[in-house]
Amino acid sequence: MLAYEVGDDFMKFFYQAERGELDPFVLVFEGSVPNEKIKKEGYWAALGTDPTTGQPITSVEWIDRLAPKALAVIAAGTCATYGGIHAMSGNPTGAMGLADYLGWGWKSKAGLPIVNVPGCPVQPDNFMETILYLLFQVAGKAPMIPLDDQLRPTWLFGATVHEGCDRAGYYEQGDFAETYNSPKCLVKLGCWGPVVNCNVPKRGWMMGIGGCPNVGGICVGCTMPGFPDKFMPFMDEPPGAKLSTGLAGAYGSAIRTLRKVTNSTVNKEPKWRHARPELTSGYRPTTY
């Protein structure tokens, strides 16, 4: 979502929320949370200026000011949920996700846990649908939002990429793509879809269109807490894929052979459909 406001017109809503003039409000945090305790000077990230000191207000200070007053807190995108690319091995900022900073058991003043909507970037319908659910909940028209152990909405992230992928049938048949212009399963080209919780192949990316495997791209696991480190190097066959694809290949070869036999059988009309003068359908008239 884009704000039309800039400068003071943009920041005034933060100050109003801090003073209690906006109540209730939902705090949406986007981007990773840097560790401001590990540097000698300066700051990692800030937004706005403190009028009493003239100094920038750091991101973590805004979290400390606003999170306790928020009706609900949403982490939007993988950086905000789990740290993302900024938090990968070797980073100098000590970056983390919002739940790492506030605590995984943290609750809002309304008793709501942090809601993580990962994605690099976040899938827009997933984000807006989560906000809509929370609005229904606080209006008393929906039960507590169902979240998994990584605080993701279960109805959005309960299934894997593989389970929603149009290419999954090729995996089951042990038929794998060797090049990116193939319609077949992309696991051997580096797709992590069988183990990644994400609904993009089903939902699409924008207005139902796209989704990585749908357009020939491999899944790199961007909705997962272990992203990116546990999915690197990208575009290499994932660990375990050699075993799983080997087994699927052996099983799939037999299945494909049997299905070809069945296909050749059902791909022909029954022999009694003809223009000859006799009826050979097996019909027998009933006599009384």
C-alpha atoms as a PDB file:
ATOM      1  CA  MET A   1       0.000   0.000   0.000  1.00  0.00           C
ATOM      2  CA  LEU A   2       1.352   3.397  -0.943  1.00  0.00           C
ATOM      3  CA  ALA A   3       0.934   6.581   1.076  1.00  0.00           C
ATOM      4  CA  TYR A   4       0.204   9.813  -0.764  1.00  0.00           C
ATOM      5  CA  GLU A   5       1.500  11.797   2.191  1.00  0.00           C
ATOM      6  CA  VAL A   6       5.170  12.727   2.601  1.00  0.00           C
ATOM      7  CA  GLY A   7       7.269  14.368   5.299  1.00  0.00           C
ATOM      8  CA  ASP A   8       5.337  15.703   8.282  1.00  0.00           C
ATOM      9  CA  ASP A   9       2.016  14.817   6.647  1.00  0.00           C
ATOM     10  CA  PHE A  10       3.137  11.198   6.613  1.00  0.00           C
ATOM     11  CA  MET A  11       4.693  11.109  10.080  1.00  0.00           C
ATOM     12  CA  LYS A  12       1.781  12.778  11.899  1.00  0.00           C
ATOM     13  CA  PHE A  13      -0.115   9.486  12.065  1.00  0.00           C
ATOM     14  CA  PHE A  14       2.765   7.876  13.963  1.00  0.00           C
ATOM     15  CA  TYR A  15       2.783  10.659  16.531  1.00  0.00           C
ATOM     16  CA  GLN A  16      -1.022  10.579  16.828  1.00  0.00           C
ATOM     17  CA  ALA A  17      -0.944   6.829  17.461  1.00  0.00           C
ATOM     18  CA  GLU A  18       1.785   7.283  20.054  1.00  0.00           C
ATOM     19  CA  ARG A  19      -0.236   9.953  21.888  1.00  0.00           C
ATOM     20  CA  GLY A  20      -3.329   7.745  21.905  1.00  0.00           C
ATOM     21  CA  GLU A  21      -5.232   9.909  19.434  1.00  0.00           C
ATOM     22  CA  LEU A  22      -5.677   7.001  17.028  1.00  0.00           C
ATOM     23  CA  ASP A  23      -7.455   4.204  18.824  1.00  0.00           C
ATOM     24  CA  PRO A  24      -7.857   1.510  17.779  1.00  0.00           C
ATOM     25  CA  PHE A  25      -5.123   1.085  15.167  1.00  0.00           C
ATOM     26  CA  VAL A  26      -3.273  -1.808  13.562  1.00  0.00           C
ATOM     27  CA  LEU A  27       0.512  -1.619  13.452  1.00  0.00           C
ATOM     28  CA  VAL A  28       1.966  -3.026  10.227  1.00  0.00           C
ATOM     29  CA  PHE A  29       5.732  -3.426  10.213  1.00  0.00           C
ATOM     30  CA  GLU A  30       7.636  -3.972   6.973  1.00  0.00           C
ATOM     31  CA  GLY A  31      11.367  -4.608   6.696  1.00  0.00           C
ATOM     32  CA  SER A  32      13.742  -6.356   9.077  1.00  0.00           C
ATOM     33  CA  VAL A  33      14.432  -5.185  12.626  1.00  0.00           C
ATOM     34  CA  PRO A  34      18.098  -4.224  13.061  1.00  0.00           C
ATOM     35  CA  ASN A  35      19.791  -4.687  16.416  1.00  0.00           C
ATOM     36  CA  GLU A  36      20.530  -1.173  17.643  1.00  0.00           C
ATOM     37  CA  LYS A  37      22.467  -2.535  20.647  1.00  0.00           C
ATOM     38  CA  ILE A  38      25.476  -3.837  18.718  1.00  0.00           C
ATOM     39  CA  LYS A  39      26.969  -0.645  17.248  1.00  0.00           C
ATOM     40  CA  LYS A  40      29.180   1.995  18.812  1.00  0.00           C
ATOM     41  CA  GLU A  41      27.561   5.043  17.219  1.00  0.00           C
ATOM     42  CA  GLY A  42      24.807   6.152  14.882  1.00  0.00           C
ATOM     43  CA  TYR A  43      21.843   3.932  14.057  1.00  0.00           C
ATOM     44  CA  TRP A  44      20.886   1.265  11.556  1.00  0.00           C
ATOM     45  CA  ALA A  45      17.381   2.416  10.617  1.00  0.00           C
ATOM     46  CA  ALA A  46      15.174   5.344  11.593  1.00  0.00           C
ATOM     47  CA  LEU A  47      11.956   7.090  10.619  1.00  0.00           C
ATOM     48  CA  GLY A  48      11.161  10.690  11.505  1.00  0.00           C
ATOM     49  CA  THR A  49      12.786  13.029  14.000  1.00  0.00           C
ATOM     50  CA  ASP A  50      12.189  13.335  17.720  1.00  0.00           C
ATOM     51  CA  PRO A  51      11.047  16.958  18.249  1.00  0.00           C
ATOM     52  CA  THR A  52      12.476  17.056  21.785  1.00  0.00           C
ATOM     53  CA  THR A  53      16.002  15.927  20.851  1.00  0.00           C
ATOM     54  CA  GLY A  54      16.219  16.656  17.144  1.00  0.00           C
ATOM     55  CA  GLN A  55      17.539  13.122  16.648  1.00  0.00           C
ATOM     56  CA  PRO A  56      16.184  10.427  14.323  1.00  0.00           C
ATOM     57  CA  ILE A  57      13.725   7.969  15.865  1.00  0.00           C
ATOM     58  CA  THR A  58      14.967   4.441  15.261  1.00  0.00           C
ATOM     59  CA  SER A  59      12.744   1.679  13.957  1.00  0.00           C
ATOM     60  CA  VAL A  60      13.001  -0.264  17.200  1.00  0.00           C
ATOM     61  CA  GLU A  61      12.004   2.816  19.179  1.00  0.00           C
ATOM     62  CA  TRP A  62       8.861   3.133  17.068  1.00  0.00           C
ATOM     63  CA  ILE A  63       8.111  -0.525  17.769  1.00  0.00           C
ATOM     64  CA  ASP A  64       8.569   0.101  21.503  1.00  0.00           C
ATOM     65  CA  ARG A  65       6.287   3.151  21.363  1.00  0.00           C
ATOM     66  CA  LEU A  66       3.500   1.760  19.179  1.00  0.00           C
ATOM     67  CA  ALA A  67       3.298  -2.014  19.663  1.00  0.00           C
ATOM     68  CA  PRO A  68       1.912  -1.830  23.250  1.00  0.00           C
ATOM     69  CA  LYS A  69      -0.879   0.493  22.067  1.00  0.00           C
ATOM     70  CA  ALA A  70      -1.816  -1.391  18.894  1.00  0.00           C
ATOM     71  CA  LEU A  71      -4.950  -3.476  18.585  1.00  0.00           C
ATOM     72  CA  ALA A  72      -3.031  -5.907  16.366  1.00  0.00           C
ATOM     73  CA  VAL A  73       0.494  -6.138  14.987  1.00  0.00           C
ATOM     74  CA  ILE A  74       1.225  -7.537  11.529  1.00  0.00           C
ATOM     75  CA  ALA A  75       4.671  -8.297  10.116  1.00  0.00           C
ATOM     76  CA  ALA A  76       4.402  -7.896   6.341  1.00  0.00           C
ATOM     77  CA  GLY A  77       7.006  -9.630   4.198  1.00  0.00           C
ATOM     78  CA  THR A  78       9.792 -12.064   5.008  1.00  0.00           C
ATOM     79  CA  CYS A  79      12.174  -9.387   6.286  1.00  0.00           C
ATOM     80  CA  ALA A  80       9.631  -8.312   8.885  1.00  0.00           C
ATOM     81  CA  THR A  81       8.577 -11.852   9.778  1.00  0.00           C
ATOM     82  CA  TYR A  82      11.923 -13.651  10.005  1.00  0.00           C
ATOM     83  CA  GLY A  83      14.650 -11.163   9.079  1.00  0.00           C
ATOM     84  CA  GLY A  84      14.918 -12.224   5.436  1.00  0.00           C
ATOM     85  CA  ILE A  85      17.894 -11.357   3.258  1.00  0.00           C
ATOM     86  CA  HIS A  86      19.077  -8.642   5.660  1.00  0.00           C
ATOM     87  CA  ALA A  87      19.443 -11.275   8.381  1.00  0.00           C
ATOM     88  CA  MET A  88      21.463 -13.793   6.383  1.00  0.00           C
ATOM     89  CA  SER A  89      24.761 -15.132   7.615  1.00  0.00           C
ATOM     90  CA  GLY A  90      27.510 -12.526   7.753  1.00  0.00           C
ATOM     91  CA  ASN A  91      25.217  -9.501   8.048  1.00  0.00           C
ATOM     92  CA  PRO A  92      26.596  -6.613  10.169  1.00  0.00           C
ATOM     93  CA  THR A  93      23.294  -5.323  11.552  1.00  0.00           C
ATOM     94  CA  GLY A  94      22.102  -8.271  13.660  1.00  0.00           C
ATOM     95  CA  ALA A  95      18.832  -8.051  11.716  1.00  0.00           C
ATOM     96  CA  MET A  96      15.870 -10.135  12.882  1.00  0.00           C
ATOM     97  CA  GLY A  97      12.130 -10.496  12.482  1.00  0.00           C
ATOM     98  CA  LEU A  98       9.528  -8.639  14.525  1.00  0.00           C
ATOM     99  CA  ALA A  99       8.721 -11.693  16.676  1.00  0.00           C
ATOM    100  CA  ASP A 100      12.432 -12.158  17.375  1.00  0.00           C
ATOM    101  CA  TYR A 101      12.463  -8.614  18.752  1.00  0.00           C
ATOM    102  CA  LEU A 102       9.158  -8.513  20.650  1.00  0.00           C
ATOM    103  CA  GLY A 103       9.158 -12.182  21.601  1.00  0.00           C
ATOM    104  CA  TRP A 104       7.326 -15.107  20.013  1.00  0.00           C
ATOM    105  CA  GLY A 105       4.782 -15.185  22.808  1.00  0.00           C
ATOM    106  CA  TRP A 106       4.049 -11.452  22.638  1.00  0.00           C
ATOM    107  CA  LYS A 107       0.382 -10.391  22.629  1.00  0.00           C
ATOM    108  CA  SER A 108      -1.275  -7.111  21.723  1.00  0.00           C
ATOM    109  CA  LYS A 109      -3.522  -5.237  24.143  1.00  0.00           C
ATOM    110  CA  ALA A 110      -6.432  -7.102  22.511  1.00  0.00           C
ATOM    111  CA  GLY A 111      -4.745 -10.432  23.249  1.00  0.00           C
ATOM    112  CA  LEU A 112      -3.688 -11.049  19.665  1.00  0.00           C
ATOM    113  CA  PRO A 113      -0.330 -12.637  18.801  1.00  0.00           C
ATOM    114  CA  ILE A 114       1.911 -11.130  16.167  1.00  0.00           C
ATOM    115  CA  VAL A 115       0.607 -12.144  12.739  1.00  0.00           C
ATOM    116  CA  ASN A 116       3.320 -13.026  10.217  1.00  0.00           C
ATOM    117  CA  VAL A 117       2.534 -12.720   6.514  1.00  0.00           C
ATOM    118  CA  PRO A 118       5.809 -13.681   4.822  1.00  0.00           C
ATOM    119  CA  GLY A 119       6.798 -13.385   1.184  1.00  0.00           C
ATOM    120  CA  CYS A 120       9.645 -11.660  -0.589  1.00  0.00           C
ATOM    121  CA  PRO A 121       7.724  -9.522  -1.326  1.00  0.00           C
ATOM    122  CA  VAL A 122       4.487 -10.290   0.496  1.00  0.00           C
ATOM    123  CA  GLN A 123       1.707 -11.498  -1.799  1.00  0.00           C
ATOM    124  CA  PRO A 124      -0.716  -8.533  -1.754  1.00  0.00           C
ATOM    125  CA  ASP A 125      -3.951 -10.535  -1.462  1.00  0.00           C
ATOM    126  CA  ASN A 126      -2.499 -12.554   1.423  1.00  0.00           C
ATOM    127  CA  PHE A 127      -1.707  -9.317   3.246  1.00  0.00           C
ATOM    128  CA  MET A 128      -5.076  -7.640   2.654  1.00  0.00           C
ATOM    129  CA  GLU A 129      -6.989 -10.825   3.458  1.00  0.00           C
ATOM    130  CA  THR A 130      -5.172 -11.048   6.796  1.00  0.00           C
ATOM    131  CA  ILE A 131      -6.103  -7.464   7.644  1.00  0.00           C
ATOM    132  CA  LEU A 132      -9.716  -8.192   6.680  1.00  0.00           C
ATOM    133  CA  TYR A 133      -9.781 -11.265   8.920  1.00  0.00           C
ATOM    134  CA  LEU A 134      -8.481  -9.249  11.882  1.00  0.00           C
ATOM    135  CA  LEU A 135     -11.127  -6.576  11.296  1.00  0.00           C
ATOM    136  CA  PHE A 136     -13.836  -9.250  11.300  1.00  0.00           C
ATOM    137  CA  GLN A 137     -12.341 -10.689  14.468  1.00  0.00           C
ATOM    138  CA  VAL A 138     -12.291  -7.452  16.418  1.00  0.00           C
ATOM    139  CA  ALA A 139     -15.854  -6.796  15.227  1.00  0.00           C
ATOM    140  CA  GLY A 140     -16.860 -10.101  16.840  1.00  0.00           C
ATOM    141  CA  LYS A 141     -17.681 -11.773  13.535  1.00  0.00           C
ATOM    142  CA  ALA A 142     -14.779 -14.237  13.372  1.00  0.00           C
ATOM    143  CA  PRO A 143     -12.946 -16.476  15.884  1.00  0.00           C
ATOM    144  CA  MET A 144      -9.308 -16.018  16.924  1.00  0.00           C
ATOM    145  CA  ILE A 145      -7.149 -15.898  13.826  1.00  0.00           C
ATOM    146  CA  PRO A 146      -5.685 -19.393  13.248  1.00  0.00           C
ATOM    147  CA  LEU A 147      -1.881 -19.301  13.081  1.00  0.00           C
ATOM    148  CA  ASP A 148       0.755 -22.009  12.726  1.00  0.00           C
ATOM    149  CA  ASP A 149       3.806 -22.298  14.985  1.00  0.00           C
ATOM    150  CA  GLN A 150       5.584 -19.679  12.857  1.00  0.00           C
ATOM    151  CA  LEU A 151       2.645 -17.275  13.360  1.00  0.00           C
ATOM    152  CA  ARG A 152       1.484 -17.548   9.743  1.00  0.00           C
ATOM    153  CA  PRO A 153      -2.261 -17.668   8.924  1.00  0.00           C
ATOM    154  CA  THR A 154      -2.972 -21.370   8.486  1.00  0.00           C
ATOM    155  CA  TRP A 155      -5.457 -20.994   5.651  1.00  0.00           C
ATOM    156  CA  LEU A 156      -2.821 -19.163   3.595  1.00  0.00           C
ATOM    157  CA  PHE A 157       0.302 -21.148   4.494  1.00  0.00           C
ATOM    158  CA  GLY A 158      -1.032 -24.564   5.505  1.00  0.00           C
ATOM    159  CA  ALA A 159      -0.168 -26.216   2.188  1.00  0.00           C
ATOM    160  CA  THR A 160       3.086 -26.418   0.261  1.00  0.00           C
ATOM    161  CA  VAL A 161       3.931 -24.919  -3.116  1.00  0.00           C
ATOM    162  CA  HIS A 162       4.056 -28.473  -4.448  1.00  0.00           C
ATOM    163  CA  GLU A 163       0.503 -29.246  -3.322  1.00  0.00           C
ATOM    164  CA  GLY A 164      -0.826 -26.265  -5.270  1.00  0.00           C
ATOM    165  CA  CYS A 165       1.477 -26.549  -8.287  1.00  0.00           C
ATOM    166  CA  ASP A 166       0.203 -27.417 -11.759  1.00  0.00           C
ATOM    167  CA  ARG A 167       3.490 -29.261 -12.325  1.00  0.00           C
ATOM    168  CA  ALA A 168       3.033 -31.622  -9.347  1.00  0.00           C
ATOM    169  CA  GLY A 169       1.589 -34.372 -11.540  1.00  0.00           C
ATOM    170  CA  TYR A 170       4.904 -34.612 -13.383  1.00  0.00           C
ATOM    171  CA  TYR A 171       6.709 -35.153 -10.065  1.00  0.00           C
ATOM    172  CA  GLU A 172       4.327 -37.970  -9.208  1.00  0.00           C
ATOM    173  CA  GLN A 173       5.160 -39.549 -12.565  1.00  0.00           C
ATOM    174  CA  GLY A 174       8.898 -39.032 -12.075  1.00  0.00           C
ATOM    175  CA  ASP A 175       9.043 -36.727 -15.088  1.00  0.00           C
ATOM    176  CA  PHE A 176      11.395 -33.800 -14.450  1.00  0.00           C
ATOM    177  CA  ALA A 177      12.384 -30.726 -16.436  1.00  0.00           C
ATOM    178  CA  GLU A 178      15.941 -30.474 -17.692  1.00  0.00           C
ATOM    179  CA  THR A 179      15.553 -26.893 -18.993  1.00  0.00           C
ATOM    180  CA  TYR A 180      13.524 -23.879 -17.883  1.00  0.00           C
ATOM    181  CA  ASN A 181      11.351 -23.878 -21.008  1.00  0.00           C
ATOM    182  CA  SER A 182       9.822 -27.215 -20.004  1.00  0.00           C
ATOM    183  CA  PRO A 183       6.296 -27.561 -18.533  1.00  0.00           C
ATOM    184  CA  LYS A 184       7.465 -30.432 -16.287  1.00  0.00           C
ATOM    185  CA  CYS A 185       8.424 -30.502 -12.588  1.00  0.00           C
ATOM    186  CA  LEU A 186      11.281 -28.116 -11.738  1.00  0.00           C
ATOM    187  CA  VAL A 187      12.703 -29.896  -8.673  1.00  0.00           C
ATOM    188  CA  LYS A 188      15.906 -30.998 -10.429  1.00  0.00           C
ATOM    189  CA  LEU A 189      16.503 -27.403 -11.507  1.00  0.00           C
ATOM    190  CA  GLY A 190      16.464 -26.220  -7.900  1.00  0.00           C
ATOM    191  CA  CYS A 191      12.779 -25.852  -6.961  1.00  0.00           C
ATOM    192  CA  TRP A 192      12.086 -26.233  -3.222  1.00  0.00           C
ATOM    193  CA  GLY A 193       8.317 -26.377  -3.711  1.00  0.00           C
ATOM    194  CA  PRO A 194       7.710 -29.776  -2.037  1.00  0.00           C
ATOM    195  CA  VAL A 195       8.855 -28.431   1.366  1.00  0.00           C
ATOM    196  CA  VAL A 196       7.874 -24.733   1.235  1.00  0.00           C
ATOM    197  CA  ASN A 197       4.677 -23.394   2.802  1.00  0.00           C
ATOM    198  CA  CYS A 198       3.217 -20.960   0.291  1.00  0.00           C
ATOM    199  CA  ASN A 199      -0.028 -20.544  -1.662  1.00  0.00           C
ATOM    200  CA  VAL A 200       1.256 -18.476  -4.586  1.00  0.00           C
ATOM    201  CA  PRO A 201       0.886 -21.213  -7.249  1.00  0.00           C
ATOM    202  CA  LYS A 202      -2.820 -21.416  -6.378  1.00  0.00           C
ATOM    203  CA  ARG A 203      -3.453 -17.719  -5.751  1.00  0.00           C
ATOM    204  CA  GLY A 204      -1.179 -16.211  -8.384  1.00  0.00           C
ATOM    205  CA  TRP A 205       0.886 -13.118  -7.803  1.00  0.00           C
ATOM    206  CA  MET A 206      -1.185 -10.195  -9.045  1.00  0.00           C
ATOM    207  CA  MET A 207      -4.920 -10.537  -9.763  1.00  0.00           C
ATOM    208  CA  GLY A 208      -4.608 -14.309  -9.946  1.00  0.00           C
ATOM    209  CA  ILE A 209      -1.789 -14.214 -12.489  1.00  0.00           C
ATOM    210  CA  GLY A 210       1.728 -15.575 -12.033  1.00  0.00           C
ATOM    211  CA  GLY A 211       3.294 -17.464  -9.156  1.00  0.00           C
ATOM    212  CA  CYS A 212       6.873 -18.703  -9.498  1.00  0.00           C
ATOM    213  CA  PRO A 213       6.410 -22.271 -10.851  1.00  0.00           C
ATOM    214  CA  ASN A 214       3.390 -21.145 -12.900  1.00  0.00           C
ATOM    215  CA  VAL A 215       5.670 -19.025 -15.078  1.00  0.00           C
ATOM    216  CA  GLY A 216       8.691 -21.349 -15.150  1.00  0.00           C
ATOM    217  CA  GLY A 217      10.508 -20.070 -12.070  1.00  0.00           C
ATOM    218  CA  ILE A 218      11.779 -22.267  -9.263  1.00  0.00           C
ATOM    219  CA  CYS A 219      10.591 -21.811  -5.674  1.00  0.00           C
ATOM    220  CA  VAL A 220      13.465 -20.528  -3.502  1.00  0.00           C
ATOM    221  CA  GLY A 221      11.551 -20.693  -0.206  1.00  0.00           C
ATOM    222  CA  CYS A 222      11.044 -16.969   0.364  1.00  0.00           C
ATOM    223  CA  THR A 223       8.110 -17.478   2.779  1.00  0.00           C
ATOM    224  CA  MET A 224      10.125 -19.676   5.138  1.00  0.00           C
ATOM    225  CA  PRO A 225      11.932 -18.783   8.396  1.00  0.00           C
ATOM    226  CA  GLY A 226      15.134 -20.369   7.062  1.00  0.00           C
ATOM    227  CA  PHE A 227      15.253 -18.108   3.979  1.00  0.00           C
ATOM    228  CA  PRO A 228      17.686 -17.391   2.423  1.00  0.00           C
ATOM    229  CA  ASP A 229      20.509 -19.300   4.129  1.00  0.00           C
ATOM    230  CA  LYS A 230      18.912 -22.744   4.249  1.00  0.00           C
ATOM    231  CA  PHE A 231      17.931 -22.586   0.570  1.00  0.00           C
ATOM    232  CA  MET A 232      21.293 -21.582  -0.873  1.00  0.00           C
ATOM    233  CA  PRO A 233      22.895 -21.990  -3.310  1.00  0.00           C
ATOM    234  CA  PHE A 234      19.856 -21.198  -5.423  1.00  0.00           C
ATOM    235  CA  MET A 235      19.255 -23.067  -8.692  1.00  0.00           C
ATOM    236  CA  ASP A 236      21.013 -26.186  -7.405  1.00  0.00           C
ATOM    237  CA  GLU A 237      19.134 -29.433  -6.831  1.00  0.00           C
ATOM    238  CA  PRO A 238      17.916 -29.281  -3.197  1.00  0.00           C
ATOM    239  CA  PRO A 239      19.366 -31.703  -0.612  1.00  0.00           C
ATOM    240  CA  GLY A 240      17.302 -34.853  -0.581  1.00  0.00           C
ATOM    241  CA  ALA A 241      16.031 -34.194  -4.079  1.00  0.00           C
ATOM    242  CA  LYS A 242      18.371 -36.778  -5.569  1.00  0.00           C
ATOM    243  CA  LEU A 243      16.874 -39.460  -3.349  1.00  0.00           C
ATOM    244  CA  SER A 244      13.249 -38.337  -3.717  1.00  0.00           C
ATOM    245  CA  THR A 245      13.471 -37.750  -7.455  1.00  0.00           C
ATOM    246  CA  GLY A 246      15.331 -41.035  -7.897  1.00  0.00           C
ATOM    247  CA  LEU A 247      12.564 -42.927  -6.106  1.00  0.00           C
ATOM    248  CA  ALA A 248       9.896 -40.922  -7.922  1.00  0.00           C
ATOM    249  CA  GLY A 249      11.674 -41.627 -11.205  1.00  0.00           C
ATOM    250  CA  ALA A 250      11.670 -45.388 -10.692  1.00  0.00           C
ATOM    251  CA  TYR A 251       8.068 -45.420  -9.468  1.00  0.00           C
ATOM    252  CA  GLY A 252       6.987 -42.888 -12.075  1.00  0.00           C
ATOM    253  CA  SER A 253       8.507 -44.867 -14.950  1.00  0.00           C
ATOM    254  CA  ALA A 254       6.312 -47.859 -14.095  1.00  0.00           C
ATOM    255  CA  ILE A 255       3.263 -45.628 -13.599  1.00  0.00           C
ATOM    256  CA  ARG A 256       3.813 -43.877 -16.940  1.00  0.00           C
ATOM    257  CA  THR A 257       4.080 -47.236 -18.728  1.00  0.00           C
ATOM    258  CA  LEU A 258       0.848 -48.521 -17.195  1.00  0.00           C
ATOM    259  CA  ARG A 259      -0.929 -45.259 -17.930  1.00  0.00           C
ATOM    260  CA  LYS A 260       0.150 -45.365 -21.560  1.00  0.00           C
ATOM    261  CA  VAL A 261      -1.475 -48.788 -21.855  1.00  0.00           C
ATOM    262  CA  THR A 262      -4.663 -47.515 -20.243  1.00  0.00           C
ATOM    263  CA  ASN A 263      -4.566 -44.335 -22.310  1.00  0.00           C
ATOM    264  CA  SER A 264      -4.330 -46.284 -25.573  1.00  0.00           C
ATOM    265  CA  THR A 265      -7.330 -48.348 -24.452  1.00  0.00           C
ATOM    266  CA  VAL A 266      -9.609 -45.467 -23.467  1.00  0.00           C
ATOM    267  CA  ASN A 267      -8.411 -43.310 -26.370  1.00  0.00           C
ATOM    268  CA  LYS A 268     -10.411 -45.456 -28.809  1.00  0.00           C
ATOM    269  CA  GLU A 269     -14.142 -45.685 -29.405  1.00  0.00           C
ATOM    270  CA  PRO A 270     -15.954 -48.948 -28.530  1.00  0.00           C
ATOM    271  CA  LYS A 271     -16.096 -51.347 -31.471  1.00  0.00           C
ATOM    272  CA  TRP A 272     -19.912 -51.344 -31.657  1.00  0.00           C
ATOM    273  CA  ARG A 273     -20.017 -47.764 -32.902  1.00  0.00           C
ATOM    274  CA  HIS A 274     -20.195 -48.228 -36.673  1.00  0.00           C
ATOM    275  CA  ALA A 275     -22.370 -47.664 -39.728  1.00  0.00           C
ATOM    276  CA  ARG A 276     -22.796 -51.315 -40.679  1.00  0.00           C
ATOM    277  CA  PRO A 277     -26.326 -52.723 -41.019  1.00  0.00           C
ATOM    278  CA  GLU A 278     -26.081 -54.927 -37.892  1.00  0.00           C
ATOM    279  CA  LEU A 279     -26.308 -53.885 -34.225  1.00  0.00           C
ATOM    280  CA  THR A 280     -23.307 -55.119 -32.224  1.00  0.00           C
ATOM    281  CA  SER A 281     -23.708 -53.131 -28.998  1.00  0.00           C
ATOM    282  CA  GLY A 282     -24.925 -56.183 -27.087  1.00  0.00           C
ATOM    283  CA  TYR A 283     -28.516 -55.017 -26.919  1.00  0.00           C
ATOM    284  CA  ARG A 284     -31.035 -57.845 -26.502  1.00  0.00           C
ATOM    285  CA  PRO A 285     -34.748 -57.061 -26.920  1.00  0.00           C
ATOM    286  CA  THR A 286     -36.987 -58.178 -24.081  1.00  0.00           C
ATOM    287  CA  THR A 287     -39.773 -60.575 -24.998  1.00  0.00           C
ATOM    288  CA  TYR A 288     -42.947 -61.047 -22.980  1.00  0.00           C
END
